[in-house]
C-alpha atoms as a PDB file:
ATOM      1  CA  MET A   1      61.714  20.128  20.303  1.00  0.00           C
ATOM      2  CA  PHE A   2      58.744  22.069  18.943  1.00  0.00           C
ATOM      3  CA  ASN A   3      56.499  18.999  19.173  1.00  0.00           C
ATOM      4  CA  PHE A   4      57.614  18.342  22.752  1.00  0.00           C
ATOM      5  CA  LEU A   5      56.885  21.931  23.838  1.00  0.00           C
ATOM      6  CA  TYR A   6      53.554  21.867  22.041  1.00  0.00           C
ATOM      7  CA  LEU A   7      52.491  18.626  23.725  1.00  0.00           C
ATOM      8  CA  SER A   8      53.658  19.869  27.136  1.00  0.00           C
ATOM      9  CA  LEU A   9      51.722  23.104  26.736  1.00  0.00           C
ATOM     10  CA  LEU A  10      48.651  21.210  25.543  1.00  0.00           C
ATOM     11  CA  PHE A  11      48.845  18.894  28.549  1.00  0.00           C
ATOM     12  CA  PHE A  12      49.188  21.864  30.933  1.00  0.00           C
ATOM     13  CA  LEU A  13      46.213  23.682  29.423  1.00  0.00           C
ATOM     14  CA  SER A  14      44.102  20.520  29.536  1.00  0.00           C
ATOM     15  CA  PHE A  15      45.034  19.863  33.158  1.00  0.00           C
ATOM     16  CA  TYR A  16      44.368  23.486  34.140  1.00  0.00           C
ATOM     17  CA  SER A  17      40.940  23.558  32.490  1.00  0.00           C
ATOM     18  CA  CYS A  18      39.944  20.235  34.050  1.00  0.00           C
ATOM     19  CA  SER A  19      40.983  21.374  37.539  1.00  0.00           C
ATOM     20  CA  LYS A  20      38.205  23.967  37.624  1.00  0.00           C
ATOM     21  CA  ILE A  21      34.451  23.573  37.338  1.00  0.00           C
ATOM     22  CA  GLU A  22      31.944  25.838  35.692  1.00  0.00           C
ATOM     23  CA  PRO A  23      29.116  27.573  37.595  1.00  0.00           C
ATOM     24  CA  THR A  24      25.645  26.061  37.302  1.00  0.00           C
ATOM     25  CA  GLU A  25      24.329  29.101  35.402  1.00  0.00           C
ATOM     26  CA  PHE A  26      25.483  32.454  34.025  1.00  0.00           C
ATOM     27  CA  TYR A  27      26.539  35.027  36.615  1.00  0.00           C
ATOM     28  CA  SER A  28      27.394  38.643  35.878  1.00  0.00           C
ATOM     29  CA  ASN A  29      29.951  38.839  38.702  1.00  0.00           C
ATOM     30  CA  LYS A  30      32.889  36.747  39.848  1.00  0.00           C
ATOM     31  CA  GLU A  31      35.546  37.172  42.539  1.00  0.00           C
ATOM     32  CA  ILE A  32      38.403  34.897  43.615  1.00  0.00           C
ATOM     33  CA  LEU A  33      38.348  35.206  47.403  1.00  0.00           C
ATOM     34  CA  ILE A  34      41.160  32.735  48.128  1.00  0.00           C
ATOM     35  CA  GLY A  35      43.562  32.206  45.256  1.00  0.00           C
ATOM     36  CA  PRO A  36      44.561  30.818  43.029  1.00  0.00           C
ATOM     37  CA  ASP A  37      41.548  28.485  42.909  1.00  0.00           C
ATOM     38  CA  ILE A  38      40.652  27.665  46.533  1.00  0.00           C
ATOM     39  CA  PHE A  39      37.486  29.765  46.892  1.00  0.00           C
ATOM     40  CA  THR A  40      35.632  31.469  44.047  1.00  0.00           C
ATOM     41  CA  LEU A  41      32.393  33.409  44.405  1.00  0.00           C
ATOM     42  CA  PHE A  42      29.845  34.046  41.641  1.00  0.00           C
ATOM     43  CA  TRP A  43      26.741  36.216  41.994  1.00  0.00           C
ATOM     44  CA  LYS A  44      23.952  38.082  40.250  1.00  0.00           C
ATOM     45  CA  GLN A  45      21.109  40.328  41.385  1.00  0.00           C
ATOM     46  CA  ASN A  46      17.672  41.678  40.605  1.00  0.00           C
ATOM     47  CA  ASN A  47      15.948  44.563  42.400  1.00  0.00           C
ATOM     48  CA  SER A  48      15.229  42.545  45.551  1.00  0.00           C
ATOM     49  CA  ASP A  49      17.550  39.509  45.870  1.00  0.00           C
ATOM     50  CA  ILE A  50      21.068  38.268  45.222  1.00  0.00           C
ATOM     51  CA  ILE A  51      21.907  34.717  44.174  1.00  0.00           C
ATOM     52  CA  PHE A  52      25.393  33.553  45.170  1.00  0.00           C
ATOM     53  CA  GLU A  53      27.318  30.466  44.117  1.00  0.00           C
ATOM     54  CA  ALA A  54      30.447  29.468  46.038  1.00  0.00           C
ATOM     55  CA  HIS A  55      33.044  26.976  44.800  1.00  0.00           C
ATOM     56  CA  TRP A  56      35.693  25.887  47.322  1.00  0.00           C
ATOM     57  CA  LYS A  57      38.078  23.009  48.009  1.00  0.00           C
ATOM     58  CA  ASN A  58      40.465  21.654  50.669  1.00  0.00           C
ATOM     59  CA  SER A  59      38.009  22.422  53.499  1.00  0.00           C
ATOM     60  CA  LYS A  60      34.684  21.006  54.614  1.00  0.00           C
ATOM     61  CA  ILE A  61      32.836  24.002  56.114  1.00  0.00           C
ATOM     62  CA  ILE A  62      32.156  27.461  54.726  1.00  0.00           C
ATOM     63  CA  LEU A  63      31.188  30.682  56.503  1.00  0.00           C
ATOM     64  CA  PHE A  64      30.152  33.621  54.340  1.00  0.00           C
ATOM     65  CA  GLY A  65      28.429  36.929  54.993  1.00  0.00           C
ATOM     66  CA  PHE A  66      28.659  40.633  55.744  1.00  0.00           C
ATOM     67  CA  LYS A  67      30.007  42.671  58.643  1.00  0.00           C
ATOM     68  CA  SER A  68      29.261  46.062  60.176  1.00  0.00           C
ATOM     69  CA  ASN A  69      30.987  47.670  63.174  1.00  0.00           C
ATOM     70  CA  ASN A  70      29.034  45.611  65.709  1.00  0.00           C
ATOM     71  CA  LEU A  71      27.306  42.785  63.833  1.00  0.00           C
ATOM     72  CA  SER A  72      28.215  39.984  61.434  1.00  0.00           C
ATOM     73  CA  ASP A  73      25.362  38.470  59.394  1.00  0.00           C
ATOM     74  CA  VAL A  74      26.495  35.122  57.965  1.00  0.00           C
ATOM     75  CA  MET A  75      25.513  31.681  56.767  1.00  0.00           C
ATOM     76  CA  VAL A  76      27.322  28.414  57.563  1.00  0.00           C
ATOM     77  CA  SER A  77      27.160  25.287  55.409  1.00  0.00           C
ATOM     78  CA  TRP A  78      28.822  21.951  54.780  1.00  0.00           C
ATOM     79  CA  ILE A  79      28.264  18.561  53.173  1.00  0.00           C
ATOM     80  CA  ASN A  80      29.094  15.299  54.945  1.00  0.00           C
ATOM     81  CA  ASP A  81      30.687  12.158  53.521  1.00  0.00           C
ATOM     82  CA  ASP A  82      27.277  10.457  53.473  1.00  0.00           C
ATOM     83  CA  ASN A  83      25.940  13.371  51.339  1.00  0.00           C
ATOM     84  CA  SER A  84      23.808  14.775  54.151  1.00  0.00           C
ATOM     85  CA  GLY A  85      24.157  18.535  54.364  1.00  0.00           C
ATOM     86  CA  HIS A  86      23.839  21.527  56.681  1.00  0.00           C
ATOM     87  CA  PHE A  87      22.871  25.150  56.013  1.00  0.00           C
ATOM     88  CA  SER A  88      22.074  27.752  58.674  1.00  0.00           C
ATOM     89  CA  ASP A  89      21.563  31.516  59.003  1.00  0.00           C
ATOM     90  CA  ARG A  90      23.682  32.838  61.886  1.00  0.00           C
ATOM     91  CA  HIS A  91      25.135  35.995  63.417  1.00  0.00           C
ATOM     92  CA  PHE A  92      27.766  37.095  65.904  1.00  0.00           C
ATOM     93  CA  ASN A  93      28.889  40.431  67.325  1.00  0.00           C
ATOM     94  CA  SER A  94      32.034  42.103  68.605  1.00  0.00           C
ATOM     95  CA  GLN A  95      31.255  41.164  72.220  1.00  0.00           C
ATOM     96  CA  ASN A  96      30.325  37.539  71.496  1.00  0.00           C
ATOM     97  CA  SER A  97      32.365  35.474  69.048  1.00  0.00           C
ATOM     98  CA  SER A  98      29.975  32.500  69.159  1.00  0.00           C
ATOM     99  CA  LEU A  99      27.966  31.685  66.050  1.00  0.00           C
ATOM    100  CA  ILE A 100      24.328  32.181  67.049  1.00  0.00           C
ATOM    101  CA  LEU A 101      21.428  30.727  65.067  1.00  0.00           C
ATOM    102  CA  ASP A 102      19.068  33.419  63.785  1.00  0.00           C
ATOM    103  CA  THR A 103      15.460  33.306  64.918  1.00  0.00           C
ATOM    104  CA  HIS A 104      14.428  34.041  61.318  1.00  0.00           C
ATOM    105  CA  THR A 105      16.085  32.542  58.219  1.00  0.00           C
ATOM    106  CA  ASP A 106      16.909  34.954  55.385  1.00  0.00           C
ATOM    107  CA  TRP A 107      19.821  33.120  53.763  1.00  0.00           C
ATOM    108  CA  LEU A 108      18.194  30.351  51.723  1.00  0.00           C
ATOM    109  CA  PRO A 109      19.971  27.306  50.211  1.00  0.00           C
ATOM    110  CA  LEU A 110      19.260  26.479  46.574  1.00  0.00           C
ATOM    111  CA  ASP A 111      21.731  23.671  45.844  1.00  0.00           C
ATOM    112  CA  LEU A 112      24.656  21.862  47.468  1.00  0.00           C
ATOM    113  CA  PHE A 113      26.834  19.165  45.919  1.00  0.00           C
ATOM    114  CA  LYS A 114      30.374  17.952  45.343  1.00  0.00           C
ATOM    115  CA  LYS A 115      32.020  17.823  41.938  1.00  0.00           C
ATOM    116  CA  SER A 116      35.610  16.792  41.287  1.00  0.00           C
ATOM    117  CA  ASN A 117      37.446  18.079  44.365  1.00  0.00           C
ATOM    118  CA  TYR A 118      35.158  21.088  44.862  1.00  0.00           C
ATOM    119  CA  THR A 119      32.097  21.736  46.990  1.00  0.00           C
ATOM    120  CA  VAL A 120      29.464  23.872  45.260  1.00  0.00           C
ATOM    121  CA  LEU A 121      26.900  25.841  47.256  1.00  0.00           C
ATOM    122  CA  LYS A 122      24.200  27.946  45.629  1.00  0.00           C
ATOM    123  CA  PHE A 123      22.147  30.234  47.877  1.00  0.00           C
ATOM    124  CA  LYS A 124      20.231  33.504  47.957  1.00  0.00           C
ATOM    125  CA  ARG A 125      19.218  36.310  50.293  1.00  0.00           C
ATOM    126  CA  PRO A 126      17.313  39.615  50.088  1.00  0.00           C
ATOM    127  CA  ILE A 127      19.263  42.822  49.496  1.00  0.00           C
ATOM    128  CA  LEU A 128      17.327  44.849  52.087  1.00  0.00           C
ATOM    129  CA  LEU A 129      16.172  43.557  55.466  1.00  0.00           C
ATOM    130  CA  SER A 130      16.293  46.593  57.778  1.00  0.00           C
ATOM    131  CA  CYS A 131      12.759  47.647  56.827  1.00  0.00           C
ATOM    132  CA  ARG A 132      11.427  44.558  58.568  1.00  0.00           C
ATOM    133  CA  GLU A 133      10.486  44.674  62.244  1.00  0.00           C
ATOM    134  CA  ASN A 134      12.651  41.743  63.407  1.00  0.00           C
ATOM    135  CA  SER A 135      15.878  42.763  61.634  1.00  0.00           C
ATOM    136  CA  SER A 136      18.284  43.099  64.592  1.00  0.00           C
ATOM    137  CA  GLN A 137      20.199  39.989  63.457  1.00  0.00           C
ATOM    138  CA  ASP A 138      20.474  41.050  59.807  1.00  0.00           C
ATOM    139  CA  LEU A 139      22.389  43.516  57.652  1.00  0.00           C
ATOM    140  CA  ASP A 140      21.411  45.228  54.416  1.00  0.00           C
ATOM    141  CA  ILE A 141      23.589  44.780  51.344  1.00  0.00           C
ATOM    142  CA  LYS A 142      24.310  48.372  50.338  1.00  0.00           C
ATOM    143  CA  PRO A 143      25.447  50.167  47.172  1.00  0.00           C
ATOM    144  CA  GLY A 144      29.159  50.895  47.214  1.00  0.00           C
ATOM    145  CA  PHE A 145      31.607  48.903  49.287  1.00  0.00           C
ATOM    146  CA  ASN A 146      30.426  46.176  51.669  1.00  0.00           C
ATOM    147  CA  ASN A 147      32.648  44.457  54.210  1.00  0.00           C
ATOM    148  CA  LEU A 148      32.546  40.834  53.069  1.00  0.00           C
ATOM    149  CA  ILE A 149      33.674  38.146  55.539  1.00  0.00           C
ATOM    150  CA  PHE A 150      34.395  34.486  54.853  1.00  0.00           C
ATOM    151  CA  SER A 151      36.130  31.466  56.302  1.00  0.00           C
ATOM    152  CA  LEU A 152      36.903  27.867  55.348  1.00  0.00           C
ATOM    153  CA  SER A 153      37.585  25.180  57.928  1.00  0.00           C
ATOM    154  CA  ASP A 154      37.107  21.529  58.830  1.00  0.00           C
ATOM    155  CA  ASN A 155      35.365  22.356  62.125  1.00  0.00           C
ATOM    156  CA  THR A 156      33.002  25.111  63.255  1.00  0.00           C
ATOM    157  CA  THR A 157      35.149  26.182  66.223  1.00  0.00           C
ATOM    158  CA  SER A 158      37.912  27.525  63.968  1.00  0.00           C
ATOM    159  CA  LEU A 159      35.655  29.408  61.535  1.00  0.00           C
ATOM    160  CA  ILE A 160      35.816  32.736  63.376  1.00  0.00           C
ATOM    161  CA  PRO A 161      39.566  32.520  64.247  1.00  0.00           C
ATOM    162  CA  ASN A 162      40.254  31.874  60.530  1.00  0.00           C
ATOM    163  CA  LEU A 163      37.976  34.709  59.403  1.00  0.00           C
ATOM    164  CA  LYS A 164      39.040  36.767  56.391  1.00  0.00           C
ATOM    165  CA  SER A 165      37.496  40.003  55.130  1.00  0.00           C
ATOM    166  CA  LYS A 166      37.424  41.964  51.905  1.00  0.00           C
ATOM    167  CA  LYS A 167      35.759  45.243  50.977  1.00  0.00           C
ATOM    168  CA  MET A 168      33.854  44.718  47.744  1.00  0.00           C
ATOM    169  CA  LYS A 169      31.166  46.246  45.585  1.00  0.00           C
ATOM    170  CA  ILE A 170      28.423  43.633  45.472  1.00  0.00           C
ATOM    171  CA  LEU A 171      25.591  45.563  43.808  1.00  0.00           C
ATOM    172  CA  ASN A 172      25.959  46.519  40.165  1.00  0.00           C
ATOM    173  CA  ASN A 173      24.027  49.765  40.562  1.00  0.00           C
ATOM    174  CA  SER A 174      22.761  52.193  43.177  1.00  0.00           C
ATOM    175  CA  GLY A 175      19.165  52.201  41.969  1.00  0.00           C
ATOM    176  CA  HIS A 176      15.991  51.560  43.898  1.00  0.00           C
ATOM    177  CA  PHE A 177      15.890  48.200  45.669  1.00  0.00           C
ATOM    178  CA  GLU A 178      12.728  46.633  47.000  1.00  0.00           C
ATOM    179  CA  CYS A 179      12.543  45.820  50.674  1.00  0.00           C
ATOM    180  CA  PHE A 180      11.935  42.185  51.477  1.00  0.00           C
ATOM    181  CA  ILE A 181       8.433  41.750  52.865  1.00  0.00           C
ATOM    182  CA  GLU A 182       7.063  38.306  53.587  1.00  0.00           C
ATOM    183  CA  LYS A 183       3.893  37.645  51.695  1.00  0.00           C
ATOM    184  CA  ILE A 184       0.839  36.311  53.445  1.00  0.00           C
ATOM    185  CA  LYS A 185       0.942  32.595  52.783  1.00  0.00           C
ATOM    186  CA  GLU A 186      -1.893  31.345  50.641  1.00  0.00           C
ATOM    187  CA  LYS A 187      -3.426  27.931  51.150  1.00  0.00           C
ATOM    188  CA  LEU A 188      -4.243  25.376  48.490  1.00  0.00           C
ATOM    189  CA  ASP A 189      -7.889  24.494  49.093  1.00  0.00           C
ATOM    190  CA  SER A 190      -7.848  21.000  47.612  1.00  0.00           C
ATOM    191  CA  PRO A 191      -9.015  18.174  49.912  1.00  0.00           C
ATOM    192  CA  SER A 192      -7.473  14.730  49.532  1.00  0.00           C
ATOM    193  CA  THR A 193      -9.335  11.951  47.743  1.00  0.00           C
ATOM    194  CA  GLU A 194      -9.058   9.699  50.817  1.00  0.00           C
ATOM    195  CA  PHE A 195      -7.937   9.911  54.452  1.00  0.00           C
ATOM    196  CA  TYR A 196      -4.250  10.597  55.125  1.00  0.00           C
ATOM    197  CA  THR A 197      -2.585  10.975  58.505  1.00  0.00           C
ATOM    198  CA  ASN A 198       0.056  13.408  57.210  1.00  0.00           C
ATOM    199  CA  SER A 199       0.053  16.466  54.971  1.00  0.00           C
ATOM    200  CA  GLU A 200       2.348  19.368  54.138  1.00  0.00           C
ATOM    201  CA  GLU A 201       1.959  22.392  51.869  1.00  0.00           C
ATOM    202  CA  LEU A 202       5.368  22.582  50.191  1.00  0.00           C
ATOM    203  CA  ILE A 203       4.610  25.678  48.094  1.00  0.00           C
ATOM    204  CA  PRO A 204       1.876  27.823  49.696  1.00  0.00           C
ATOM    205  CA  GLY A 205      -1.176  28.000  47.483  1.00  0.00           C
ATOM    206  CA  VAL A 206       0.398  25.825  44.795  1.00  0.00           C
ATOM    207  CA  TYR A 207       1.794  22.443  45.885  1.00  0.00           C
ATOM    208  CA  LYS A 208       0.585  20.104  48.644  1.00  0.00           C
ATOM    209  CA  ILE A 209       1.328  16.491  49.536  1.00  0.00           C
ATOM    210  CA  TYR A 210      -0.694  14.031  51.625  1.00  0.00           C
ATOM    211  CA  TRP A 211       0.776  10.703  52.728  1.00  0.00           C
ATOM    212  CA  ASN A 212       0.435   7.523  54.773  1.00  0.00           C
ATOM    213  CA  TYR A 213       3.196   5.052  55.551  1.00  0.00           C
ATOM    214  CA  THR A 214       3.818   1.633  57.033  1.00  0.00           C
ATOM    215  CA  LYS A 215       7.045  -0.188  57.843  1.00  0.00           C
ATOM    216  CA  ASP A 216       7.115  -1.445  54.242  1.00  0.00           C
ATOM    217  CA  ASP A 217       5.943   1.375  51.981  1.00  0.00           C
ATOM    218  CA  ILE A 218       4.595   4.890  51.577  1.00  0.00           C
ATOM    219  CA  THR A 219       1.496   6.022  49.685  1.00  0.00           C
ATOM    220  CA  ALA A 220       1.240   9.681  48.752  1.00  0.00           C
ATOM    221  CA  GLU A 221      -1.027  12.059  46.893  1.00  0.00           C
ATOM    222  CA  ILE A 222       0.241  15.287  45.340  1.00  0.00           C
ATOM    223  CA  HIS A 223      -1.995  18.258  44.556  1.00  0.00           C
ATOM    224  CA  CYS A 224      -0.446  20.885  42.312  1.00  0.00           C
ATOM    225  CA  LYS A 225      -2.050  24.023  40.865  1.00  0.00           C
ATOM    226  CA  LEU A 226      -0.053  23.947  37.656  1.00  0.00           C
ATOM    227  CA  CYS A 227      -0.450  22.996  34.004  1.00  0.00           C
ATOM    228  CA  GLY A 228       2.817  21.271  33.213  1.00  0.00           C
ATOM    229  CA  TRP A 229       5.390  18.963  34.713  1.00  0.00           C
ATOM    230  CA  VAL A 230       5.256  18.084  38.403  1.00  0.00           C
ATOM    231  CA  ALA A 231       8.247  16.593  40.213  1.00  0.00           C
ATOM    232  CA  PHE A 232       8.788  15.173  43.680  1.00  0.00           C
ATOM    233  CA  GLY A 233      11.528  13.221  45.375  1.00  0.00           C
ATOM    234  CA  PHE A 234      14.172  12.857  48.033  1.00  0.00           C
ATOM    235  CA  SER A 235      17.643  14.368  48.238  1.00  0.00           C
ATOM    236  CA  PRO A 236      20.536  13.002  50.313  1.00  0.00           C
ATOM    237  CA  ASN A 237      21.846  16.485  51.121  1.00  0.00           C
ATOM    238  CA  GLY A 238      19.321  19.153  50.142  1.00  0.00           C
ATOM    239  CA  GLY A 239      20.841  19.568  46.694  1.00  0.00           C
ATOM    240  CA  MET A 240      19.803  18.198  43.319  1.00  0.00           C
ATOM    241  CA  ASP A 241      22.559  15.711  42.515  1.00  0.00           C
ATOM    242  CA  LYS A 242      21.912  12.079  43.576  1.00  0.00           C
ATOM    243  CA  SER A 243      18.251  12.832  44.244  1.00  0.00           C
ATOM    244  CA  ASP A 244      15.666  10.073  43.729  1.00  0.00           C
ATOM    245  CA  VAL A 245      12.629  11.641  42.037  1.00  0.00           C
ATOM    246  CA  ILE A 246       9.469  11.090  40.043  1.00  0.00           C
ATOM    247  CA  VAL A 247       8.273  13.257  37.163  1.00  0.00           C
ATOM    248  CA  TYR A 248       4.605  13.474  36.177  1.00  0.00           C
ATOM    249  CA  TRP A 249       2.733  15.178  33.371  1.00  0.00           C
ATOM    250  CA  LYS A 250      -0.436  14.668  31.385  1.00  0.00           C
ATOM    251  CA  ASN A 251      -1.241  15.907  27.884  1.00  0.00           C
ATOM    252  CA  GLU A 252      -3.252  14.924  24.823  1.00  0.00           C
ATOM    253  CA  ASN A 253      -0.933  11.953  24.277  1.00  0.00           C
ATOM    254  CA  GLY A 254      -1.591  10.478  27.707  1.00  0.00           C
ATOM    255  CA  VAL A 255       0.015  10.310  31.137  1.00  0.00           C
ATOM    256  CA  ASN A 256       3.738  10.193  31.886  1.00  0.00           C
ATOM    257  CA  PHE A 257       4.920   8.978  35.276  1.00  0.00           C
ATOM    258  CA  THR A 258       8.573   7.994  35.524  1.00  0.00           C
ATOM    259  CA  ASP A 259      11.021   7.100  38.272  1.00  0.00           C
ATOM    260  CA  ARG A 260      14.221   9.102  37.743  1.00  0.00           C
ATOM    261  CA  HIS A 261      17.438  10.210  39.391  1.00  0.00           C
ATOM    262  CA  ILE A 262      19.587  13.307  39.032  1.00  0.00           C
ATOM    263  CA  ARG A 263      23.257  13.059  38.118  1.00  0.00           C
ATOM    264  CA  ASP A 264      25.475  15.960  37.058  1.00  0.00           C
ATOM    265  CA  ARG A 265      22.420  18.181  36.617  1.00  0.00           C
ATOM    266  CA  ASN A 266      20.698  15.662  34.320  1.00  0.00           C
ATOM    267  CA  VAL A 267      17.334  14.041  35.165  1.00  0.00           C
ATOM    268  CA  ILE A 268      17.753  10.415  34.073  1.00  0.00           C
ATOM    269  CA  VAL A 269      15.089   7.691  33.841  1.00  0.00           C
ATOM    270  CA  ASP A 270      15.854   4.781  36.212  1.00  0.00           C
ATOM    271  CA  LYS A 271      16.414   1.319  34.775  1.00  0.00           C
ATOM    272  CA  ASN A 272      14.197  -0.094  37.524  1.00  0.00           C
ATOM    273  CA  GLN A 273      10.922   1.729  38.174  1.00  0.00           C
ATOM    274  CA  ASP A 274      10.258   1.672  41.938  1.00  0.00           C
ATOM    275  CA  TRP A 275       7.603   4.412  42.159  1.00  0.00           C
ATOM    276  CA  PHE A 276       4.155   3.323  40.931  1.00  0.00           C
ATOM    277  CA  LEU A 277       1.271   5.539  39.813  1.00  0.00           C
ATOM    278  CA  LEU A 278      -2.073   4.534  41.359  1.00  0.00           C
ATOM    279  CA  ASN A 279      -4.451   7.226  40.131  1.00  0.00           C
ATOM    280  CA  ASN A 280      -4.560  10.680  38.530  1.00  0.00           C
ATOM    281  CA  ILE A 281      -7.288  13.293  38.037  1.00  0.00           C
ATOM    282  CA  LEU A 282      -7.737  16.974  37.270  1.00  0.00           C
ATOM    283  CA  ARG A 283     -10.098  18.704  39.704  1.00  0.00           C
ATOM    284  CA  ASN A 284     -10.862  22.438  39.801  1.00  0.00           C
ATOM    285  CA  ASN A 285      -7.687  23.195  37.824  1.00  0.00           C
ATOM    286  CA  VAL A 286      -5.601  21.210  40.325  1.00  0.00           C
ATOM    287  CA  THR A 287      -3.518  18.267  39.122  1.00  0.00           C
ATOM    288  CA  ILE A 288      -3.854  15.317  41.516  1.00  0.00           C
ATOM    289  CA  PHE A 289      -1.904  12.088  41.305  1.00  0.00           C
ATOM    290  CA  LYS A 290      -1.475   9.244  43.765  1.00  0.00           C
ATOM    291  CA  PHE A 291       1.522   6.920  43.928  1.00  0.00           C
ATOM    292  CA  THR A 292       3.354   4.425  46.116  1.00  0.00           C
ATOM    293  CA  ARG A 293       6.896   3.167  46.692  1.00  0.00           C
ATOM    294  CA  LYS A 294       8.833   0.977  49.097  1.00  0.00           C
END
């Protein structure tokens, strides 16, 4: 009898622990918004931003945000069966229950993926936005209690009818918080080594890509103002998992250029190398490497 109870308890504990997933990093705060394990929220803060991580199941779409008397400042996100994803900054008010796209995006996605039977969304936003000129669609996150709103659904039309709310303390202190002010975007002054019809500065002042393409392949050139690893690739949904990437670095031992993929947060070298390095130089403290792939 003792052995049977012990084995049953062990099985229950194992099943219970396997039915949940761990957050992607350490968070100082956690709240179960829909119990017992339908929707869990993790978050942490500094003096200007909050990073949230939401874990939910049994529904495709999430709405999450904050509400005042007249305005709701929210984000909406989902991941499709083909691993394409959606993330948008929206608002609605007491007179209009339609979800309206913001003219300026302040909720920013960091990661989105599925694991076990959960969807995991990691995102951030500034604490203070009212000090900005175009802040009529945004709410500050304030010390003390905030009116949190959230909804899970399989279609966007039922998000607002299914809306839930909870008054919560989000900030860990009432100290001085910095107002979010957009920095003047710097430019990376690093001309390409040959002519390209396309270019995009992915990180202002730091990371730029030039590229040409045909119906068969793409040739690209990355310029990065860094001394270390440089990565680039494509994601099926805006998140890290299942991304197809390359990793490049150069040191006293030579050049590394590898075709990799990301699975369960691990960056794994591909068995078949489909990205090919064509050239690499260091010019004016800018790492430049050229590559091609089908």
